[in-house]
N, C-alpha and C. Protein backbone atom coordinates (compact mmCIF):
# COMPACT_ATOMS: atom_id res chain seq x y z
N MET A 1 93.38 116.07 102.67
CA MET A 1 93.92 117.09 101.81
C MET A 1 95.32 116.66 101.39
N THR A 2 95.63 116.81 100.13
CA THR A 2 96.94 116.45 99.63
C THR A 2 97.90 117.59 99.90
N THR A 3 99.05 117.25 100.47
CA THR A 3 100.06 118.25 100.81
C THR A 3 101.11 118.33 99.72
N LYS A 4 102.01 119.33 99.81
CA LYS A 4 103.09 119.47 98.84
C LYS A 4 104.01 118.26 98.86
N ALA A 5 104.27 117.72 100.05
CA ALA A 5 105.14 116.56 100.17
C ALA A 5 104.53 115.35 99.47
N CYS A 6 103.21 115.19 99.56
CA CYS A 6 102.53 114.07 98.91
C CYS A 6 102.59 114.23 97.39
N LYS A 7 102.42 115.46 96.92
CA LYS A 7 102.48 115.70 95.48
C LYS A 7 103.87 115.42 94.95
N LYS A 8 104.89 115.79 95.74
CA LYS A 8 106.28 115.60 95.33
C LYS A 8 106.62 114.10 95.25
N SER A 9 106.16 113.34 96.23
CA SER A 9 106.48 111.90 96.26
C SER A 9 105.61 111.11 95.28
N GLY A 10 104.49 111.68 94.86
CA GLY A 10 103.63 111.02 93.89
C GLY A 10 102.61 110.09 94.51
N ARG A 11 102.57 109.97 95.82
CA ARG A 11 101.59 109.09 96.44
C ARG A 11 100.45 109.91 97.04
N LYS A 12 99.29 109.30 97.14
CA LYS A 12 98.13 109.99 97.67
C LYS A 12 98.17 110.05 99.18
N HIS A 13 97.65 111.13 99.72
CA HIS A 13 97.59 111.31 101.17
C HIS A 13 96.17 111.07 101.64
N THR A 14 96.02 110.26 102.64
CA THR A 14 94.73 110.08 103.27
C THR A 14 94.95 109.77 104.75
N PRO A 15 94.12 110.29 105.62
CA PRO A 15 94.28 110.00 107.04
C PRO A 15 93.79 108.60 107.42
N ILE A 16 93.21 107.87 106.48
CA ILE A 16 92.67 106.54 106.77
C ILE A 16 93.80 105.52 106.73
N VAL A 17 94.07 104.88 107.88
CA VAL A 17 95.16 103.91 107.97
C VAL A 17 94.68 102.53 108.44
N SER A 18 93.37 102.36 108.68
CA SER A 18 92.86 101.06 109.10
C SER A 18 91.43 100.88 108.62
N LYS A 19 90.97 99.63 108.64
CA LYS A 19 89.59 99.34 108.23
C LYS A 19 88.59 100.00 109.17
N LYS A 20 88.95 100.10 110.44
CA LYS A 20 88.07 100.73 111.42
C LYS A 20 87.86 102.21 111.06
N GLN A 21 88.94 102.89 110.69
CA GLN A 21 88.84 104.29 110.30
C GLN A 21 88.08 104.44 108.98
N PHE A 22 88.29 103.48 108.07
CA PHE A 22 87.58 103.51 106.79
C PHE A 22 86.07 103.43 107.04
N GLY A 23 85.67 102.57 107.98
CA GLY A 23 84.26 102.44 108.34
C GLY A 23 83.72 103.72 108.96
N PHE A 24 84.54 104.35 109.81
CA PHE A 24 84.13 105.60 110.45
C PHE A 24 83.91 106.69 109.39
N PHE A 25 84.85 106.80 108.44
CA PHE A 25 84.73 107.81 107.40
C PHE A 25 83.50 107.53 106.53
N GLY A 26 83.22 106.25 106.26
CA GLY A 26 82.04 105.90 105.48
C GLY A 26 80.76 106.27 106.20
N ALA A 27 80.71 106.01 107.49
CA ALA A 27 79.53 106.37 108.29
C ALA A 27 79.37 107.88 108.38
N GLU A 28 80.49 108.56 108.53
CA GLU A 28 80.47 110.03 108.60
C GLU A 28 79.98 110.63 107.28
N TYR A 29 80.44 110.04 106.17
CA TYR A 29 80.01 110.50 104.85
C TYR A 29 78.50 110.30 104.69
N ALA A 30 78.00 109.15 105.14
CA ALA A 30 76.56 108.87 105.04
C ALA A 30 75.74 109.85 105.88
N ARG A 31 76.23 110.16 107.09
CA ARG A 31 75.52 111.12 107.95
C ARG A 31 75.45 112.49 107.28
N LYS A 32 76.59 112.96 106.76
CA LYS A 32 76.63 114.28 106.14
C LYS A 32 75.76 114.31 104.88
N LYS A 33 75.74 113.20 104.14
CA LYS A 33 74.96 113.14 102.91
C LYS A 33 73.47 113.23 103.21
N LYS A 34 73.04 112.67 104.35
CA LYS A 34 71.64 112.74 104.76
C LYS A 34 71.27 114.09 105.35
N GLY A 35 72.29 114.94 105.61
CA GLY A 35 72.03 116.25 106.18
C GLY A 35 72.10 116.29 107.69
N MET A 36 72.51 115.18 108.29
CA MET A 36 72.63 115.12 109.74
C MET A 36 73.96 115.74 110.18
N LYS A 37 74.05 116.07 111.44
CA LYS A 37 75.29 116.61 111.98
C LYS A 37 76.25 115.44 112.19
N GLY A 38 77.47 115.60 111.73
CA GLY A 38 78.48 114.55 111.86
C GLY A 38 79.36 114.77 113.08
N ARG A 39 80.28 113.84 113.30
CA ARG A 39 81.21 113.94 114.42
C ARG A 39 82.41 114.83 114.10
N THR A 40 82.70 115.01 112.81
CA THR A 40 83.85 115.82 112.41
C THR A 40 83.36 117.07 111.68
N ASP A 41 84.26 118.02 111.54
CA ASP A 41 83.94 119.25 110.81
C ASP A 41 84.37 119.16 109.35
N MET A 42 84.76 117.97 108.91
CA MET A 42 85.24 117.78 107.55
C MET A 42 84.09 117.91 106.56
N PRO A 43 84.27 118.67 105.49
CA PRO A 43 83.20 118.80 104.50
C PRO A 43 82.96 117.51 103.72
N LEU A 44 81.80 117.40 103.12
CA LEU A 44 81.38 116.20 102.40
C LEU A 44 82.36 115.85 101.28
N ALA A 45 82.81 116.84 100.52
CA ALA A 45 83.72 116.59 99.40
C ALA A 45 85.04 116.02 99.88
N GLU A 46 85.55 116.50 101.00
CA GLU A 46 86.81 116.00 101.53
C GLU A 46 86.66 114.56 102.04
N LEU A 47 85.55 114.26 102.69
CA LEU A 47 85.29 112.89 103.14
C LEU A 47 85.25 111.94 101.94
N ARG A 48 84.55 112.35 100.90
CA ARG A 48 84.43 111.53 99.69
C ARG A 48 85.82 111.29 99.08
N ARG A 49 86.65 112.33 99.03
CA ARG A 49 87.98 112.22 98.45
C ARG A 49 88.85 111.24 99.24
N HIS A 50 88.80 111.30 100.57
CA HIS A 50 89.60 110.40 101.39
C HIS A 50 89.13 108.95 101.26
N ILE A 51 87.83 108.74 101.18
CA ILE A 51 87.31 107.38 101.00
C ILE A 51 87.75 106.83 99.65
N LYS A 52 87.69 107.66 98.62
CA LYS A 52 88.10 107.23 97.29
C LYS A 52 89.58 106.89 97.26
N GLU A 53 90.43 107.68 97.94
CA GLU A 53 91.87 107.43 97.97
C GLU A 53 92.19 106.15 98.73
N ALA A 54 91.46 105.85 99.78
CA ALA A 54 91.75 104.67 100.61
C ALA A 54 91.16 103.40 100.03
N LYS A 55 90.21 103.53 99.13
CA LYS A 55 89.58 102.36 98.52
C LYS A 55 90.64 101.61 97.71
N GLY A 56 90.74 100.33 97.93
CA GLY A 56 91.73 99.54 97.20
C GLY A 56 93.05 99.40 97.92
N LYS A 57 93.27 100.18 98.98
CA LYS A 57 94.48 100.03 99.77
C LYS A 57 94.33 98.79 100.65
N SER A 58 95.43 98.12 100.90
CA SER A 58 95.42 96.99 101.81
C SER A 58 95.55 97.54 103.23
N LEU A 59 94.44 97.56 103.96
CA LEU A 59 94.41 98.17 105.29
C LEU A 59 94.34 97.11 106.39
N PRO A 60 95.06 97.33 107.49
CA PRO A 60 94.93 96.43 108.64
C PRO A 60 93.62 96.70 109.36
N ARG A 61 93.21 95.76 110.22
CA ARG A 61 91.97 95.97 110.97
C ARG A 61 92.07 97.17 111.90
N GLN A 62 93.21 97.29 112.59
CA GLN A 62 93.44 98.42 113.49
C GLN A 62 94.77 99.06 113.14
N SER A 63 94.92 100.33 113.47
CA SER A 63 96.19 101.00 113.20
C SER A 63 97.23 100.53 114.22
N ARG A 64 98.47 100.66 113.87
CA ARG A 64 99.54 100.19 114.73
C ARG A 64 100.15 101.32 115.56
N ARG A 65 99.48 102.44 115.61
CA ARG A 65 99.99 103.58 116.39
C ARG A 65 99.93 103.30 117.87
N ARG A 66 100.93 103.74 118.58
CA ARG A 66 100.96 103.57 120.03
C ARG A 66 100.36 104.78 120.71
N LYS A 67 99.76 104.53 121.84
CA LYS A 67 99.20 105.63 122.63
C LYS A 67 100.34 106.30 123.39
N LYS A 68 100.25 107.63 123.49
CA LYS A 68 101.25 108.37 124.25
C LYS A 68 100.96 108.22 125.73
N ARG A 69 102.00 108.10 126.49
CA ARG A 69 101.85 107.94 127.93
C ARG A 69 101.91 109.26 128.63
């Protein structure tokens, strides 16, 4: 979902920050499209929007976020 801050800065917001997450969102979209139960509660339209926004971005294989201790 695009937030007010994203609209103000002019850049698109997507929770996808790595190729691994992009693959997960793609698989989740395919599951929902087939009518199967997915792992997330995100609606089909929102999944499609995030995949479209992340397409063409230069994504690392894994995210660089650190785990909290």
